[in-house]
Amino acid sequence: MSQELTRPLPRTWWLKKASYFLFMIRELTSLAVFAYALLLILALWTAGADASFSTFLNSPVSVWLHVVVLALALFHTGTWIALTPKVMVLWRDDERVEPDLIAGVTAILFLMVTGGVLWLTLA
């Protein structure tokens, strides 16, 4: 019985092409968003008990952390919206729905949900 040929893949394979690099950056941004979600859960958990954590949230370091995580989350969202037409192929009768239409509708829905969340939190 013959074995399947597997070529060794170098650890820097994602640095060879720009599309691979952007893919890895998008995947890493999901880890940053996850860590930020854990930070928010910790903030809610200690909201009434620990005043030092709320002091940290008002510090300049925390503000910069929020700005960086916002930028990473927006990058992740933008790349996800751009990938939506590749993942979700829609057909109307025998014609394929335009990928730009799918991405546009996804972006509009994202903006509507974001606006709704902002309205609920700031009202």
Protein backbone atom coordinates (compact mmCIF):
# COMPACT_ATOMS: atom_id res chain seq x y z
CA MET A 1 0.00 0.00 0.00
CA SER A 2 1.40 3.42 -0.92
CA GLN A 3 1.38 6.40 1.37
CA GLU A 4 -0.07 9.75 0.49
CA LEU A 5 2.51 12.37 -0.43
CA THR A 6 2.46 15.31 1.94
CA ARG A 7 4.77 18.18 1.25
CA PRO A 8 6.19 20.03 4.23
CA LEU A 9 4.69 23.48 4.67
CA PRO A 10 6.97 26.17 6.07
CA ARG A 11 5.73 28.18 9.02
CA THR A 12 5.98 31.37 7.00
CA TRP A 13 3.67 30.19 4.19
CA TRP A 14 1.27 33.04 4.91
CA LEU A 15 3.95 35.65 4.25
CA LYS A 16 4.39 34.60 0.61
CA LYS A 17 1.25 36.24 -0.84
CA ALA A 18 -0.69 39.33 0.19
CA SER A 19 -4.00 37.44 0.16
CA TYR A 20 -2.59 34.82 2.56
CA PHE A 21 -1.28 37.57 4.82
CA LEU A 22 -4.65 39.34 4.93
CA PHE A 23 -6.35 36.02 5.65
CA MET A 24 -4.09 35.43 8.66
CA ILE A 25 -4.56 38.99 9.90
CA ARG A 26 -8.33 38.57 9.69
CA GLU A 27 -8.10 35.34 11.65
CA LEU A 28 -5.91 36.98 14.29
CA THR A 29 -8.35 39.88 14.65
CA SER A 30 -10.97 37.38 15.77
CA LEU A 31 -8.70 36.50 18.70
CA ALA A 32 -8.45 40.19 19.63
CA VAL A 33 -12.22 40.54 19.51
CA PHE A 34 -12.56 37.42 21.69
CA ALA A 35 -10.09 38.82 24.25
CA TYR A 36 -12.00 42.11 24.26
CA ALA A 37 -15.26 40.25 24.87
CA LEU A 38 -13.63 38.55 27.86
CA LEU A 39 -12.52 41.98 29.11
CA LEU A 40 -16.09 43.26 28.87
CA ILE A 41 -17.41 40.21 30.72
CA LEU A 42 -14.84 40.87 33.45
CA ALA A 43 -15.93 44.52 33.57
CA LEU A 44 -19.56 43.52 34.02
CA TRP A 45 -18.68 40.93 36.63
CA THR A 46 -16.71 43.39 38.74
CA ALA A 47 -18.89 46.43 38.04
CA GLY A 48 -20.14 46.94 41.57
CA ALA A 49 -17.45 45.21 43.60
CA ASP A 50 -14.09 46.52 42.38
CA ALA A 51 -13.53 50.25 41.86
CA SER A 52 -9.94 49.76 40.63
CA PHE A 53 -11.09 48.00 37.45
CA SER A 54 -13.50 50.82 36.60
CA THR A 55 -10.62 53.25 37.21
CA PHE A 56 -8.55 51.26 34.70
CA LEU A 57 -11.37 51.52 32.15
CA ASN A 58 -11.15 55.32 32.42
CA SER A 59 -7.36 55.40 31.98
CA PRO A 60 -5.61 56.47 28.74
CA VAL A 61 -4.26 52.93 28.28
CA SER A 62 -7.80 51.61 28.26
CA VAL A 63 -8.93 54.25 25.79
CA TRP A 64 -6.11 53.29 23.39
CA LEU A 65 -6.95 49.63 23.89
CA HIS A 66 -10.55 50.36 22.90
CA VAL A 67 -9.44 52.29 19.81
CA VAL A 68 -7.12 49.48 18.68
CA VAL A 69 -9.75 46.79 19.25
CA LEU A 70 -12.33 48.91 17.39
CA ALA A 71 -9.97 49.17 14.41
CA LEU A 72 -9.35 45.41 14.48
CA ALA A 73 -13.06 44.67 14.76
CA LEU A 74 -13.89 46.98 11.85
CA PHE A 75 -11.17 45.35 9.72
CA HIS A 76 -12.56 41.91 10.61
CA THR A 77 -16.10 43.03 9.80
CA GLY A 78 -15.09 44.59 6.49
CA THR A 79 -13.25 41.51 5.33
CA TRP A 80 -16.11 39.29 6.46
CA ILE A 81 -18.63 41.37 4.49
CA ALA A 82 -16.32 41.17 1.45
CA LEU A 83 -16.21 37.37 1.80
CA THR A 84 -19.97 36.95 2.15
CA PRO A 85 -20.67 36.63 -1.61
CA LYS A 86 -18.13 33.82 -1.86
CA VAL A 87 -19.69 31.91 1.01
CA MET A 88 -23.34 32.62 0.21
CA VAL A 89 -24.05 32.08 -3.48
CA LEU A 90 -27.66 32.96 -4.24
CA TRP A 91 -29.63 32.10 -7.36
CA ARG A 92 -32.77 33.71 -8.71
CA ASP A 93 -34.26 31.31 -11.23
CA ASP A 94 -31.28 30.46 -13.46
CA GLU A 95 -29.30 33.63 -12.80
CA ARG A 96 -26.77 34.14 -10.06
CA VAL A 97 -27.39 37.13 -7.79
CA GLU A 98 -24.64 39.73 -8.18
CA PRO A 99 -21.92 39.39 -5.54
CA ASP A 100 -21.85 43.17 -5.06
CA LEU A 101 -25.56 43.11 -4.22
CA ILE A 102 -25.03 40.42 -1.58
CA ALA A 103 -22.11 42.33 -0.04
CA GLY A 104 -24.06 45.60 -0.17
CA VAL A 105 -27.10 44.15 1.55
CA THR A 106 -24.87 42.58 4.19
CA ALA A 107 -23.14 45.92 4.79
CA ILE A 108 -26.48 47.74 5.05
CA LEU A 109 -27.77 45.16 7.52
CA PHE A 110 -24.58 45.52 9.54
CA LEU A 111 -25.02 49.30 9.65
CA MET A 112 -28.67 48.96 10.63
CA VAL A 113 -27.91 46.55 13.48
CA THR A 114 -25.01 48.73 14.65
CA GLY A 115 -27.24 51.79 14.56
CA GLY A 116 -29.91 49.96 16.55
CA VAL A 117 -27.41 48.89 19.19
CA LEU A 118 -26.05 52.44 19.42
CA TRP A 119 -29.57 53.83 19.72
CA LEU A 120 -30.39 51.37 22.53
CA THR A 121 -27.19 52.06 24.45
CA LEU A 122 -27.09 55.84 24.04
CA ALA A 123 -30.79 56.53 24.51
